[in-house]
C-alpha atoms as a PDB file:
ATOM      1  CA  MET A   1      94.488  73.474 131.234  1.00  0.00           C
ATOM      2  CA  GLU A   2      93.141  77.010 131.265  1.00  0.00           C
ATOM      3  CA  LEU A   3      93.739  79.481 128.443  1.00  0.00           C
ATOM      4  CA  THR A   4      95.045  82.912 129.253  1.00  0.00           C
ATOM      5  CA  ALA A   5      93.964  86.033 127.388  1.00  0.00           C
ATOM      6  CA  SER A   6      97.095  85.925 125.237  1.00  0.00           C
ATOM      7  CA  ASP A   7      96.425  82.288 124.215  1.00  0.00           C
ATOM      8  CA  ARG A   8      92.908  82.903 122.939  1.00  0.00           C
ATOM      9  CA  PHE A   9      92.280  83.407 119.272  1.00  0.00           C
ATOM     10  CA  ASP A  10      90.293  86.512 118.366  1.00  0.00           C
ATOM     11  CA  PRO A  11      89.409  86.605 114.660  1.00  0.00           C
ATOM     12  CA  LEU A  12      88.704  90.341 114.828  1.00  0.00           C
ATOM     13  CA  LEU A  13      92.210  91.248 115.929  1.00  0.00           C
ATOM     14  CA  PRO A  14      94.664  91.761 113.070  1.00  0.00           C
ATOM     15  CA  THR A  15      97.651  89.473 112.885  1.00  0.00           C
ATOM     16  CA  LYS A  16     100.858  89.721 110.894  1.00  0.00           C
ATOM     17  CA  ASP A  17      99.675  87.347 108.188  1.00  0.00           C
ATOM     18  CA  LYS A  18      96.194  88.847 107.750  1.00  0.00           C
ATOM     19  CA  THR A  19      95.607  91.179 104.857  1.00  0.00           C
ATOM     20  CA  MET A  20      92.759  93.572 104.422  1.00  0.00           C
ATOM     21  CA  SER A  21      90.218  93.156 101.648  1.00  0.00           C
ATOM     22  CA  ILE A  22      88.064  96.126 100.623  1.00  0.00           C
ATOM     23  CA  ILE A  23      85.309  96.174  97.985  1.00  0.00           C
ATOM     24  CA  GLU A  24      83.547  99.326  96.834  1.00  0.00           C
ATOM     25  CA  LYS A  25      81.234 100.177  93.939  1.00  0.00           C
ATOM     26  CA  ILE A  26      81.917 103.542  92.302  1.00  0.00           C
ATOM     27  CA  PRO A  27      80.041 105.011  89.308  1.00  0.00           C
ATOM     28  CA  VAL A  28      81.929 106.565  86.390  1.00  0.00           C
ATOM     29  CA  LEU A  29      80.779 110.178  86.463  1.00  0.00           C
ATOM     30  CA  HIS A  30      82.906 111.686  83.699  1.00  0.00           C
ATOM     31  CA  ARG A  31      80.876 112.449  80.568  1.00  0.00           C
ATOM     32  CA  LEU A  32      83.422 110.605  78.374  1.00  0.00           C
ATOM     33  CA  GLY A  33      83.537 107.530  80.602  1.00  0.00           C
ATOM     34  CA  LEU A  34      86.737 105.619  81.321  1.00  0.00           C
ATOM     35  CA  HIS A  35      88.800 106.620  78.292  1.00  0.00           C
ATOM     36  CA  LEU A  36      92.547 106.559  77.604  1.00  0.00           C
ATOM     37  CA  ARG A  37      93.564 109.584  79.685  1.00  0.00           C
ATOM     38  CA  SER A  38      91.365 108.775  82.653  1.00  0.00           C
ATOM     39  CA  GLY A  39      92.449 105.128  82.476  1.00  0.00           C
ATOM     40  CA  ALA A  40      96.108 106.186  82.477  1.00  0.00           C
ATOM     41  CA  GLU A  41      95.487 108.352  85.521  1.00  0.00           C
ATOM     42  CA  LEU A  42      93.756 105.477  87.328  1.00  0.00           C
ATOM     43  CA  THR A  43      96.513 103.013  86.388  1.00  0.00           C
ATOM     44  CA  ARG A  44      99.216 105.424  87.583  1.00  0.00           C
ATOM     45  CA  LEU A  45      97.422 105.793  90.911  1.00  0.00           C
ATOM     46  CA  ALA A  46      96.820 102.031  91.331  1.00  0.00           C
ATOM     47  CA  ASN A  47     100.505 101.294  90.725  1.00  0.00           C
ATOM     48  CA  GLN A  48     101.450 103.444  93.720  1.00  0.00           C
ATOM     49  CA  PHE A  49     100.002 100.821  96.080  1.00  0.00           C
ATOM     50  CA  LYS A  50     101.346  97.388  97.029  1.00  0.00           C
ATOM     51  CA  CYS A  51      97.948  95.716  97.238  1.00  0.00           C
ATOM     52  CA  LYS A  52      96.274  93.815  94.412  1.00  0.00           C
ATOM     53  CA  ILE A  53      93.496  95.908  92.851  1.00  0.00           C
ATOM     54  CA  VAL A  54      90.917  94.494  90.455  1.00  0.00           C
ATOM     55  CA  VAL A  55      87.961  96.190  88.761  1.00  0.00           C
ATOM     56  CA  SER A  56      84.726  94.663  87.528  1.00  0.00           C
ATOM     57  CA  ASN A  57      81.945  96.090  85.389  1.00  0.00           C
ATOM     58  CA  GLY A  58      79.642  93.180  86.187  1.00  0.00           C
ATOM     59  CA  TYR A  59      80.756  91.084  83.229  1.00  0.00           C
ATOM     60  CA  ARG A  60      84.532  91.250  83.262  1.00  0.00           C
ATOM     61  CA  VAL A  61      87.174  91.420  86.026  1.00  0.00           C
ATOM     62  CA  VAL A  62      90.476  93.128  85.188  1.00  0.00           C
ATOM     63  CA  ASN A  63      93.689  94.271  86.855  1.00  0.00           C
ATOM     64  CA  ALA A  64      93.493  97.991  87.748  1.00  0.00           C
ATOM     65  CA  LYS A  65      97.265  98.281  87.287  1.00  0.00           C
ATOM     66  CA  SER A  66      96.982  97.545  83.552  1.00  0.00           C
ATOM     67  CA  LEU A  67      95.777 100.310  81.233  1.00  0.00           C
ATOM     68  CA  LEU A  68      94.874  97.892  78.446  1.00  0.00           C
ATOM     69  CA  ASP A  69      92.824  95.766  80.836  1.00  0.00           C
ATOM     70  CA  LEU A  70      90.955  98.831  82.111  1.00  0.00           C
ATOM     71  CA  LEU A  71      90.072  99.954  78.590  1.00  0.00           C
ATOM     72  CA  THR A  72      88.549  96.549  77.790  1.00  0.00           C
ATOM     73  CA  LEU A  73      85.827  97.264  80.368  1.00  0.00           C
ATOM     74  CA  GLY A  74      84.208  99.760  77.987  1.00  0.00           C
ATOM     75  CA  ALA A  75      83.009 101.812  80.951  1.00  0.00           C
ATOM     76  CA  ILE A  76      80.852 104.694  79.732  1.00  0.00           C
ATOM     77  CA  TYR A  77      79.222 107.456  81.776  1.00  0.00           C
ATOM     78  CA  GLY A  78      77.135 105.932  84.566  1.00  0.00           C
ATOM     79  CA  THR A  79      78.799 102.506  84.536  1.00  0.00           C
ATOM     80  CA  LEU A  80      79.033 101.109  88.062  1.00  0.00           C
ATOM     81  CA  LEU A  81      82.537  99.743  88.600  1.00  0.00           C
ATOM     82  CA  GLU A  82      83.340  97.426  91.504  1.00  0.00           C
ATOM     83  CA  PHE A  83      86.844  97.938  92.877  1.00  0.00           C
ATOM     84  CA  SER A  84      88.359  95.239  95.043  1.00  0.00           C
ATOM     85  CA  ALA A  85      91.690  95.681  96.820  1.00  0.00           C
ATOM     86  CA  ASP A  86      93.533  92.977  98.778  1.00  0.00           C
ATOM     87  CA  GLY A  87      96.622  93.801 100.796  1.00  0.00           C
ATOM     88  CA  GLU A  88      98.065  95.862 103.574  1.00  0.00           C
ATOM     89  CA  ASP A  89      97.254  99.248 101.999  1.00  0.00           C
ATOM     90  CA  ALA A  90      93.873  98.262 100.509  1.00  0.00           C
ATOM     91  CA  SER A  91      91.894 100.858 102.433  1.00  0.00           C
ATOM     92  CA  GLU A  92      94.156 103.708 101.328  1.00  0.00           C
ATOM     93  CA  ALA A  93      94.061 102.496  97.724  1.00  0.00           C
ATOM     94  CA  ILE A  94      90.267 102.385  97.548  1.00  0.00           C
ATOM     95  CA  GLN A  95      90.009 105.792  99.197  1.00  0.00           C
ATOM     96  CA  ALA A  96      92.458 107.313  96.689  1.00  0.00           C
ATOM     97  CA  ILE A  97      90.620 105.702  93.749  1.00  0.00           C
ATOM     98  CA  ARG A  98      87.276 106.985  95.024  1.00  0.00           C
ATOM     99  CA  GLU A  99      88.646 110.522  95.346  1.00  0.00           C
ATOM    100  CA  LEU A 100      90.172 110.355  91.860  1.00  0.00           C
ATOM    101  CA  ILE A 101      86.991 109.157  90.173  1.00  0.00           C
ATOM    102  CA  TYR A 102      84.832 111.747  91.922  1.00  0.00           C
ATOM    103  CA  THR A 103      87.160 114.507  90.675  1.00  0.00           C
ATOM    104  CA  TRP A 104      86.564 113.367  87.074  1.00  0.00           C
ATOM    105  CA  GLN A 105      83.051 114.790  87.139  1.00  0.00           C
ATOM    106  CA  GLU A 106      84.469 118.215  88.006  1.00  0.00           C
ATOM    107  CA  LYS A 107      87.086 118.484  85.277  1.00  0.00           C
ATOM    108  CA  ASP A 108      87.592 117.774  81.620  1.00  0.00           C
ATOM    109  CA  ASN A 109      91.394 118.118  81.603  1.00  0.00           C
ATOM    110  CA  PHE A 110      93.661 115.319  82.813  1.00  0.00           C
ATOM    111  CA  LYS A 111      97.282 115.448  83.895  1.00  0.00           C
ATOM    112  CA  LEU A 112      99.639 113.306  81.868  1.00  0.00           C
END
């Protein structure tokens, strides 16, 4: 029995049940670190996406959609945070988080 092109399994081709997993390390560049206002802004952004987003500071892994969890990281200026997103919109979530964190170094005022 010979397999046709449509019968072959290609692990690189996305399927309906495959989800994307993205991991990226991003430094905290705001002089005050990850404090209440910046954490609220990050949590608000993370909750806009369907994917699961977790953050690690190297010692602790927390849910990025929980403000209290984020604050327990104690991320000060220069802390390297590892963001991991799993789900269909993981790439967009990580890109949005990266853009948000890089804007923190340019401003001291946060929207609430």
